[in-house]
Amino acid sequence: MRNIILNSLIILIFIFVTGCTSNADTVDTPLYSGKSLFIGVVGEVPKIREEHVHFTSISFEELEDYSKLSSNYDAVVITKEHLKEADDNKYVKVYTNAGVPFFFIGATKSFMPFVLEDVSYEHYSLTNFNNDMYVTGYFHNGEKFRSWEYGLYNGKVNEPNIKNVYSGMFTTIESIKNGTYE
């Protein structure tokens, strides 16, 4: 009998402790609820929460014909596995003339290695850049440029936090599409 009471007490304490702790690794943010978006992606198509955001896989060769990007896509995403190739000098004119925003997933060193010639992502360092970022974005409309940084909640790399970053990114893309970005 004493073992049953002791075991029951241990189970109740365990339930109380695990049930009352908060999950500090994630935060619930609103879904992107704006207009449908069409995004080109170099790399693997990400898992997202929104059903009205559509990704199409594209290659670096397709990026080189940047005059067609703005008529086909609202933005372009380049995944972490392709950042080294993305900083090739031949793509600088793509990022600065395509008329769509580019988002570099997993880029912890700013957008600058991608838009400046002869600057290598691998060797680039910027002392004032927050390397806790998960995504850096860049948009040039011919007159001025704008950049964005998106970090993960509490710096934790997990699926809910990554999906939250994408939702924020989609809001930015819509503001660019509508001409309301700052």
Protein backbone atom coordinates (compact mmCIF):
# COMPACT_ATOMS: atom_id res chain seq x y z
CA MET A 1 0.00 0.00 0.00
CA ARG A 2 2.80 2.34 0.90
CA ASN A 3 4.43 1.77 -2.53
CA ILE A 4 1.17 2.61 -4.29
CA ILE A 5 0.86 5.91 -2.42
CA LEU A 6 4.52 6.76 -3.03
CA ASN A 7 4.26 5.92 -6.74
CA SER A 8 1.04 7.91 -7.07
CA LEU A 9 2.66 10.89 -5.38
CA ILE A 10 5.67 10.72 -7.72
CA ILE A 11 3.37 10.54 -10.76
CA LEU A 12 1.34 13.52 -9.54
CA ILE A 13 4.49 15.59 -8.96
CA PHE A 14 5.76 14.66 -12.43
CA ILE A 15 2.45 15.64 -14.05
CA PHE A 16 2.38 18.91 -12.13
CA VAL A 17 5.98 19.83 -13.01
CA THR A 18 5.72 18.97 -16.71
CA GLY A 19 2.24 20.39 -17.11
CA CYS A 20 3.01 23.72 -15.51
CA THR A 21 6.25 24.57 -17.25
CA SER A 22 6.06 26.93 -20.18
CA ASN A 23 7.67 26.13 -23.48
CA ALA A 24 10.22 28.94 -23.76
CA ASP A 25 11.50 27.56 -27.05
CA THR A 26 8.51 28.66 -29.14
CA VAL A 27 5.96 31.41 -29.39
CA ASP A 28 2.69 31.40 -31.29
CA THR A 29 2.48 34.21 -33.83
CA PRO A 30 -0.31 35.04 -36.25
CA LEU A 31 -0.42 33.42 -39.66
CA TYR A 32 0.12 35.58 -42.71
CA SER A 33 -3.41 36.34 -43.89
CA GLY A 34 -2.73 38.65 -46.83
CA LYS A 35 -3.00 38.09 -50.55
CA SER A 36 -1.73 34.97 -52.30
CA LEU A 37 2.00 35.04 -52.90
CA PHE A 38 4.14 33.27 -55.49
CA ILE A 39 7.73 32.76 -54.44
CA GLY A 40 10.63 31.22 -56.30
CA VAL A 41 12.96 29.10 -54.18
CA VAL A 42 16.50 27.97 -54.90
CA GLY A 43 16.76 24.88 -52.74
CA GLU A 44 14.25 22.81 -50.88
CA VAL A 45 10.71 24.19 -50.62
CA PRO A 46 10.15 25.12 -46.95
CA LYS A 47 7.38 23.81 -44.73
CA ILE A 48 5.03 26.67 -43.91
CA ARG A 49 1.67 27.18 -42.19
CA GLU A 50 -0.02 29.22 -44.92
CA GLU A 51 -1.96 27.54 -47.73
CA HIS A 52 -2.14 30.60 -50.00
CA VAL A 53 1.63 31.03 -50.36
CA HIS A 54 3.00 29.04 -53.27
CA PHE A 55 6.63 28.09 -53.84
CA THR A 56 8.16 27.12 -57.17
CA SER A 57 11.61 25.56 -57.35
CA ILE A 58 13.98 27.54 -59.56
CA SER A 59 17.64 27.21 -60.47
CA PHE A 60 20.49 29.69 -60.47
CA GLU A 61 20.38 29.57 -64.27
CA GLU A 62 16.79 30.84 -64.13
CA LEU A 63 17.92 33.67 -61.82
CA GLU A 64 20.36 34.86 -64.45
CA ASP A 65 17.42 35.86 -66.66
CA TYR A 66 16.33 38.30 -63.96
CA SER A 67 14.10 40.37 -66.26
CA LYS A 68 11.43 37.65 -65.93
CA LEU A 69 11.56 37.28 -62.16
CA SER A 70 9.26 40.18 -61.28
CA SER A 71 6.58 39.00 -63.69
CA ASN A 72 6.63 35.46 -62.29
CA TYR A 73 7.35 35.85 -58.58
CA ASP A 74 6.64 38.15 -55.67
CA ALA A 75 9.99 37.21 -54.09
CA VAL A 76 12.86 34.74 -54.29
CA VAL A 77 14.18 32.64 -51.41
CA ILE A 78 17.63 31.10 -51.42
CA THR A 79 18.16 28.36 -48.85
CA LYS A 80 21.18 27.91 -46.60
CA GLU A 81 22.62 25.07 -48.67
CA HIS A 82 23.00 27.42 -51.64
CA LEU A 83 24.41 30.56 -49.97
CA LYS A 84 27.97 29.90 -51.06
CA GLU A 85 26.92 29.74 -54.73
CA ALA A 86 24.54 32.67 -54.24
CA ASP A 87 27.41 35.03 -53.42
CA ASP A 88 29.02 34.56 -56.85
CA ASN A 89 29.71 37.97 -58.47
CA LYS A 90 27.57 37.11 -61.49
CA TYR A 91 24.43 37.27 -59.32
CA VAL A 92 25.04 40.76 -57.90
CA LYS A 93 23.22 42.35 -60.85
CA VAL A 94 20.35 39.89 -60.35
CA TYR A 95 19.79 40.88 -56.71
CA THR A 96 20.09 44.60 -57.47
CA ASN A 97 18.05 44.72 -60.70
CA ALA A 98 15.40 41.99 -60.58
CA GLY A 99 12.66 44.13 -59.03
CA VAL A 100 11.75 41.47 -56.44
CA PRO A 101 13.00 40.98 -52.89
CA PHE A 102 15.50 38.22 -52.13
CA PHE A 103 15.60 36.36 -48.84
CA PHE A 104 18.67 34.40 -47.80
CA ILE A 105 17.75 31.64 -45.36
CA GLY A 106 20.35 30.95 -42.69
CA ALA A 107 22.47 33.93 -43.71
CA THR A 108 24.05 35.10 -40.48
CA LYS A 109 26.40 37.60 -42.15
CA SER A 110 24.03 40.16 -43.66
CA PHE A 111 22.86 40.59 -47.25
CA MET A 112 25.98 42.54 -48.21
CA PRO A 113 28.12 39.67 -49.54
CA PHE A 114 25.35 38.98 -52.05
CA VAL A 115 25.02 42.52 -53.41
CA LEU A 116 28.64 43.69 -53.34
CA GLU A 117 31.11 42.42 -55.93
CA ASP A 118 34.27 40.73 -54.74
CA VAL A 119 32.88 40.19 -51.25
CA SER A 120 32.80 36.56 -50.18
CA TYR A 121 30.07 35.32 -47.84
CA GLU A 122 32.52 32.82 -46.40
CA HIS A 123 35.06 35.51 -45.43
CA TYR A 124 32.70 38.40 -44.71
CA SER A 125 32.48 39.73 -41.19
CA LEU A 126 30.55 42.69 -39.91
CA THR A 127 31.03 43.55 -36.26
CA ASN A 128 27.71 45.38 -35.89
CA PHE A 129 25.58 42.68 -37.51
CA ASN A 130 23.40 40.55 -35.29
CA ASN A 131 24.44 37.03 -36.20
CA ASP A 132 21.43 35.61 -34.34
CA MET A 133 19.44 36.22 -37.49
CA TYR A 134 17.90 33.31 -39.34
CA VAL A 135 16.99 35.20 -42.52
CA THR A 136 18.25 38.36 -44.15
CA GLY A 137 16.32 40.02 -46.95
CA TYR A 138 17.19 42.58 -49.60
CA PHE A 139 15.14 44.63 -52.07
CA HIS A 140 16.32 47.23 -54.56
CA ASN A 141 13.73 49.11 -56.60
CA GLY A 142 16.09 51.16 -58.74
CA GLU A 143 16.07 54.20 -56.48
CA LYS A 144 16.77 52.86 -53.02
CA PHE A 145 17.32 49.59 -51.26
CA ARG A 146 15.80 48.11 -48.17
CA SER A 147 16.95 45.18 -46.05
CA TRP A 148 15.35 43.06 -43.36
CA GLU A 149 16.52 40.66 -40.70
CA TYR A 150 14.45 37.94 -39.09
CA GLY A 151 15.50 36.06 -35.97
CA LEU A 152 14.10 32.96 -34.34
CA TYR A 153 12.27 33.18 -31.04
CA ASN A 154 14.85 32.88 -28.24
CA GLY A 155 17.38 31.91 -30.93
CA LYS A 156 15.95 28.38 -31.00
CA VAL A 157 16.05 26.56 -34.33
CA ASN A 158 12.89 24.48 -34.43
CA GLU A 159 10.00 23.99 -36.83
CA PRO A 160 7.45 26.31 -35.10
CA ASN A 161 9.98 29.17 -34.91
CA ILE A 162 11.04 28.73 -38.51
CA LYS A 163 7.41 28.78 -39.65
CA ASN A 164 6.87 31.98 -37.62
CA VAL A 165 9.80 33.64 -39.42
CA TYR A 166 8.30 32.72 -42.79
CA SER A 167 4.95 34.26 -41.77
CA GLY A 168 6.71 37.53 -40.95
CA MET A 169 8.61 37.37 -44.22
CA PHE A 170 5.35 36.95 -46.14
CA THR A 171 3.98 40.12 -44.54
CA THR A 172 7.09 41.98 -45.72
CA ILE A 173 6.71 40.58 -49.24
CA GLU A 174 3.10 41.73 -49.38
CA SER A 175 4.10 45.25 -48.24
CA ILE A 176 6.65 45.39 -51.06
CA LYS A 177 4.08 44.11 -53.55
CA ASN A 178 1.65 46.81 -52.38
CA GLY A 179 4.30 49.54 -52.29
CA THR A 180 3.71 50.17 -48.59
CA TYR A 181 7.07 49.05 -47.20
CA GLU A 182 9.24 51.50 -45.34
